């Protein structure tokens, strides 16, 4: 295996690791906060709405958008680390 292939393989492995971590966070927020822990979160109010309801309706979407920006930042760092930046 050439040095270029090793570098590309390491880059891809790190990229997939970031994806799994970020998707796990999104799943935890959307499923956990919106469904599993809804009753416990509903004891807290946010803007007149119960927090469990808010996470189920909007919170997981906000977290997803934030995770997109986190992913972009991580990938920019990864590109620089492996020399794929422009």
N, C-alpha and C. Protein backbone atom coordinates (compact mmCIF):
# COMPACT_ATOMS: atom_id res chain seq x y z
N UNK A 1 0.84 -1.17 0.00
CA UNK A 1 0.00 0.00 0.00
C UNK A 1 0.89 1.24 0.00
N UNK A 2 0.62 2.15 -0.89
CA UNK A 2 1.44 3.35 -0.99
C UNK A 2 1.13 4.32 0.14
N UNK A 3 2.01 5.29 0.28
CA UNK A 3 1.84 6.31 1.33
C UNK A 3 0.56 7.12 1.08
N UNK A 4 0.27 7.38 -0.16
CA UNK A 4 -0.94 8.14 -0.52
C UNK A 4 -2.20 7.36 -0.11
N UNK A 5 -2.21 6.06 -0.34
CA UNK A 5 -3.36 5.23 0.04
C UNK A 5 -3.51 5.14 1.55
N UNK A 6 -2.38 5.05 2.27
CA UNK A 6 -2.44 5.02 3.73
C UNK A 6 -3.01 6.32 4.29
N UNK A 7 -2.58 7.42 3.69
CA UNK A 7 -3.07 8.74 4.12
C UNK A 7 -4.57 8.86 3.84
N UNK A 8 -4.99 8.41 2.68
CA UNK A 8 -6.42 8.47 2.32
C UNK A 8 -7.25 7.56 3.23
N UNK A 9 -6.72 6.40 3.56
CA UNK A 9 -7.43 5.47 4.45
C UNK A 9 -7.56 6.05 5.86
N UNK A 10 -6.51 6.65 6.37
CA UNK A 10 -6.55 7.27 7.70
C UNK A 10 -7.53 8.44 7.71
N UNK A 11 -7.51 9.22 6.63
CA UNK A 11 -8.44 10.35 6.50
C UNK A 11 -9.89 9.85 6.53
N UNK A 12 -10.18 8.81 5.79
CA UNK A 12 -11.54 8.30 5.71
C UNK A 12 -11.99 7.71 7.05
N UNK A 13 -11.10 6.99 7.73
CA UNK A 13 -11.44 6.42 9.04
C UNK A 13 -11.78 7.52 10.05
N UNK A 14 -11.00 8.58 10.04
CA UNK A 14 -11.27 9.68 10.97
C UNK A 14 -12.57 10.40 10.61
N UNK A 15 -12.83 10.54 9.31
CA UNK A 15 -14.07 11.15 8.85
C UNK A 15 -15.28 10.33 9.30
N UNK A 16 -15.22 9.03 9.13
CA UNK A 16 -16.34 8.15 9.53
C UNK A 16 -16.53 8.18 11.05
N UNK A 17 -15.43 8.26 11.79
CA UNK A 17 -15.53 8.34 13.25
C UNK A 17 -16.27 9.61 13.66
N UNK A 18 -15.94 10.74 13.01
CA UNK A 18 -16.65 12.00 13.29
C UNK A 18 -18.14 11.85 12.98
N UNK A 19 -18.44 11.23 11.85
CA UNK A 19 -19.84 11.05 11.46
C UNK A 19 -20.62 10.24 12.49
N UNK A 20 -20.05 9.13 12.93
CA UNK A 20 -20.74 8.30 13.91
C UNK A 20 -20.95 9.03 15.23
N UNK A 21 -19.95 9.77 15.67
CA UNK A 21 -20.08 10.52 16.93
C UNK A 21 -21.18 11.57 16.82
N UNK A 22 -21.16 12.34 15.74
CA UNK A 22 -22.14 13.41 15.58
C UNK A 22 -23.55 12.86 15.39
N UNK A 23 -23.69 11.77 14.65
CA UNK A 23 -25.00 11.16 14.48
C UNK A 23 -25.51 10.55 15.78
N UNK A 24 -24.60 10.02 16.60
CA UNK A 24 -25.00 9.50 17.91
C UNK A 24 -25.51 10.62 18.81
N UNK A 25 -24.85 11.77 18.75
CA UNK A 25 -25.33 12.93 19.53
C UNK A 25 -26.71 13.33 19.06
N UNK A 26 -26.89 13.42 17.74
CA UNK A 26 -28.20 13.81 17.22
C UNK A 26 -29.26 12.79 17.61
N UNK A 27 -28.96 11.51 17.50
CA UNK A 27 -29.91 10.48 17.90
C UNK A 27 -30.24 10.60 19.38
N UNK A 28 -29.23 10.81 20.19
CA UNK A 28 -29.46 10.95 21.63
C UNK A 28 -30.36 12.11 21.96
N UNK A 29 -30.16 13.22 21.28
CA UNK A 29 -31.00 14.39 21.53
C UNK A 29 -32.41 14.18 21.00
N UNK A 30 -32.53 13.72 19.77
CA UNK A 30 -33.86 13.60 19.18
C UNK A 30 -34.67 12.46 19.80
N UNK A 31 -34.06 11.31 19.99
CA UNK A 31 -34.79 10.17 20.56
C UNK A 31 -34.86 10.27 22.08
N UNK A 32 -33.72 10.58 22.69
CA UNK A 32 -33.66 10.63 24.15
C UNK A 32 -34.50 11.76 24.73
N UNK A 33 -34.21 12.98 24.28
CA UNK A 33 -34.91 14.14 24.85
C UNK A 33 -36.34 14.25 24.33
N UNK A 34 -36.58 13.85 23.11
CA UNK A 34 -37.91 13.99 22.53
C UNK A 34 -38.86 12.86 22.85
N UNK A 35 -38.34 11.68 23.19
CA UNK A 35 -39.22 10.53 23.41
C UNK A 35 -38.97 9.89 24.78
N UNK A 36 -37.74 9.44 25.04
CA UNK A 36 -37.48 8.68 26.27
C UNK A 36 -37.60 9.52 27.54
N UNK A 37 -37.01 10.71 27.54
CA UNK A 37 -36.99 11.54 28.74
C UNK A 37 -38.00 12.69 28.67
N UNK A 38 -38.98 12.54 27.80
CA UNK A 38 -39.99 13.58 27.58
C UNK A 38 -40.71 13.94 28.88
N UNK A 39 -41.14 12.96 29.63
CA UNK A 39 -41.91 13.22 30.84
C UNK A 39 -41.09 13.98 31.88
N UNK A 40 -39.83 13.60 32.03
CA UNK A 40 -38.96 14.30 32.98
C UNK A 40 -38.69 15.73 32.51
N UNK A 41 -38.50 15.91 31.21
CA UNK A 41 -38.22 17.25 30.67
C UNK A 41 -39.45 18.14 30.68
N UNK A 42 -40.64 17.54 30.65
CA UNK A 42 -41.87 18.32 30.64
C UNK A 42 -42.11 19.06 31.96
N UNK A 43 -41.34 18.76 32.98
CA UNK A 43 -41.46 19.51 34.23
C UNK A 43 -40.81 20.88 34.11
N UNK A 44 -40.01 21.09 33.07
CA UNK A 44 -39.34 22.37 32.81
C UNK A 44 -40.05 23.06 31.67
N UNK A 45 -40.22 24.36 31.78
CA UNK A 45 -40.90 25.13 30.74
C UNK A 45 -39.90 26.03 30.02
N UNK A 46 -40.06 26.13 28.70
CA UNK A 46 -39.20 26.98 27.88
C UNK A 46 -40.08 27.80 26.95
N UNK A 47 -40.17 29.08 27.22
CA UNK A 47 -40.99 29.96 26.39
C UNK A 47 -42.47 29.61 26.43
N UNK A 48 -42.93 29.09 27.56
CA UNK A 48 -44.33 28.72 27.71
C UNK A 48 -44.66 27.32 27.23
N UNK A 49 -43.68 26.60 26.71
CA UNK A 49 -43.88 25.23 26.25
C UNK A 49 -43.11 24.28 27.14
N UNK A 50 -43.61 23.08 27.28
CA UNK A 50 -42.89 22.06 28.04
C UNK A 50 -41.63 21.67 27.27
N UNK A 51 -40.53 21.48 28.01
CA UNK A 51 -39.24 21.25 27.38
C UNK A 51 -39.21 19.96 26.56
N UNK A 52 -39.87 18.90 27.01
CA UNK A 52 -39.93 17.66 26.24
C UNK A 52 -40.62 17.87 24.91
N UNK A 53 -41.71 18.62 24.91
CA UNK A 53 -42.42 18.94 23.68
C UNK A 53 -41.52 19.78 22.76
N UNK A 54 -40.82 20.75 23.34
CA UNK A 54 -39.96 21.64 22.55
C UNK A 54 -38.87 20.83 21.85
N UNK A 55 -38.21 19.91 22.58
CA UNK A 55 -37.17 19.08 21.96
C UNK A 55 -37.75 18.21 20.86
N UNK A 56 -38.92 17.67 21.07
CA UNK A 56 -39.53 16.81 20.05
C UNK A 56 -39.87 17.60 18.80
N UNK A 57 -40.27 18.85 18.96
CA UNK A 57 -40.72 19.64 17.81
C UNK A 57 -39.60 20.46 17.17
N UNK A 58 -38.75 21.09 17.98
CA UNK A 58 -37.76 22.00 17.42
C UNK A 58 -36.33 21.76 17.89
N UNK A 59 -36.17 21.30 19.10
CA UNK A 59 -34.84 21.16 19.68
C UNK A 59 -33.91 20.27 18.90
N UNK A 60 -34.43 19.13 18.44
CA UNK A 60 -33.58 18.22 17.68
C UNK A 60 -33.18 18.82 16.33
N UNK A 61 -34.01 19.64 15.76
CA UNK A 61 -33.67 20.32 14.50
C UNK A 61 -32.56 21.33 14.74
N UNK A 62 -32.66 22.11 15.82
CA UNK A 62 -31.60 23.07 16.15
C UNK A 62 -30.28 22.36 16.42
N UNK A 63 -30.33 21.26 17.15
CA UNK A 63 -29.12 20.50 17.42
C UNK A 63 -28.53 19.97 16.11
N UNK A 64 -29.37 19.50 15.20
CA UNK A 64 -28.89 19.01 13.91
C UNK A 64 -28.17 20.11 13.14
N UNK A 65 -28.73 21.31 13.10
CA UNK A 65 -28.10 22.42 12.39
C UNK A 65 -26.77 22.79 13.04
N UNK A 66 -26.72 22.80 14.37
CA UNK A 66 -25.46 23.07 15.06
C UNK A 66 -24.43 22.01 14.73
N UNK A 67 -24.86 20.74 14.69
CA UNK A 67 -23.94 19.65 14.36
C UNK A 67 -23.41 19.76 12.93
N UNK A 68 -24.18 20.31 12.02
CA UNK A 68 -23.69 20.54 10.65
C UNK A 68 -22.51 21.50 10.68
N UNK A 69 -22.64 22.59 11.44
CA UNK A 69 -21.53 23.55 11.54
C UNK A 69 -20.33 22.94 12.24
N UNK A 70 -20.56 22.12 13.25
CA UNK A 70 -19.46 21.42 13.93
C UNK A 70 -18.76 20.48 12.95
N UNK A 71 -19.54 19.77 12.14
CA UNK A 71 -18.96 18.86 11.16
C UNK A 71 -18.10 19.62 10.13
N UNK A 72 -18.59 20.75 9.68
CA UNK A 72 -17.82 21.55 8.71
C UNK A 72 -16.49 21.98 9.33
N UNK A 73 -16.55 22.42 10.57
CA UNK A 73 -15.31 22.84 11.23
C UNK A 73 -14.34 21.67 11.41
N UNK A 74 -14.87 20.52 11.85
CA UNK A 74 -14.03 19.34 12.01
C UNK A 74 -13.41 18.90 10.69
N UNK A 75 -14.20 18.94 9.62
CA UNK A 75 -13.69 18.52 8.32
C UNK A 75 -12.64 19.49 7.78
N UNK A 76 -12.82 20.78 8.04
CA UNK A 76 -11.79 21.75 7.62
C UNK A 76 -10.47 21.46 8.33
N UNK A 77 -10.54 21.15 9.63
CA UNK A 77 -9.32 20.80 10.37
C UNK A 77 -8.72 19.50 9.84
N UNK A 78 -9.59 18.54 9.54
CA UNK A 78 -9.12 17.25 9.03
C UNK A 78 -8.47 17.42 7.65
N UNK A 79 -9.07 18.24 6.81
CA UNK A 79 -8.48 18.50 5.49
C UNK A 79 -7.09 19.11 5.62
N UNK A 80 -6.93 20.06 6.53
CA UNK A 80 -5.61 20.67 6.74
C UNK A 80 -4.62 19.66 7.29
N UNK A 81 -5.09 18.81 8.21
CA UNK A 81 -4.21 17.81 8.82
C UNK A 81 -3.62 16.85 7.78
N UNK A 82 -4.44 16.45 6.80
CA UNK A 82 -3.99 15.49 5.80
C UNK A 82 -3.58 16.14 4.47
N UNK A 83 -3.59 17.46 4.42
CA UNK A 83 -3.13 18.17 3.23
C UNK A 83 -4.12 18.19 2.07
N UNK A 84 -5.40 18.06 2.38
CA UNK A 84 -6.40 18.11 1.32
C UNK A 84 -7.08 19.46 1.21
N UNK A 85 -6.65 20.43 1.99
CA UNK A 85 -7.27 21.76 1.91
C UNK A 85 -6.79 22.48 0.66
N UNK A 86 -7.59 23.44 0.26
CA UNK A 86 -7.25 24.16 -0.99
C UNK A 86 -6.52 25.44 -0.68
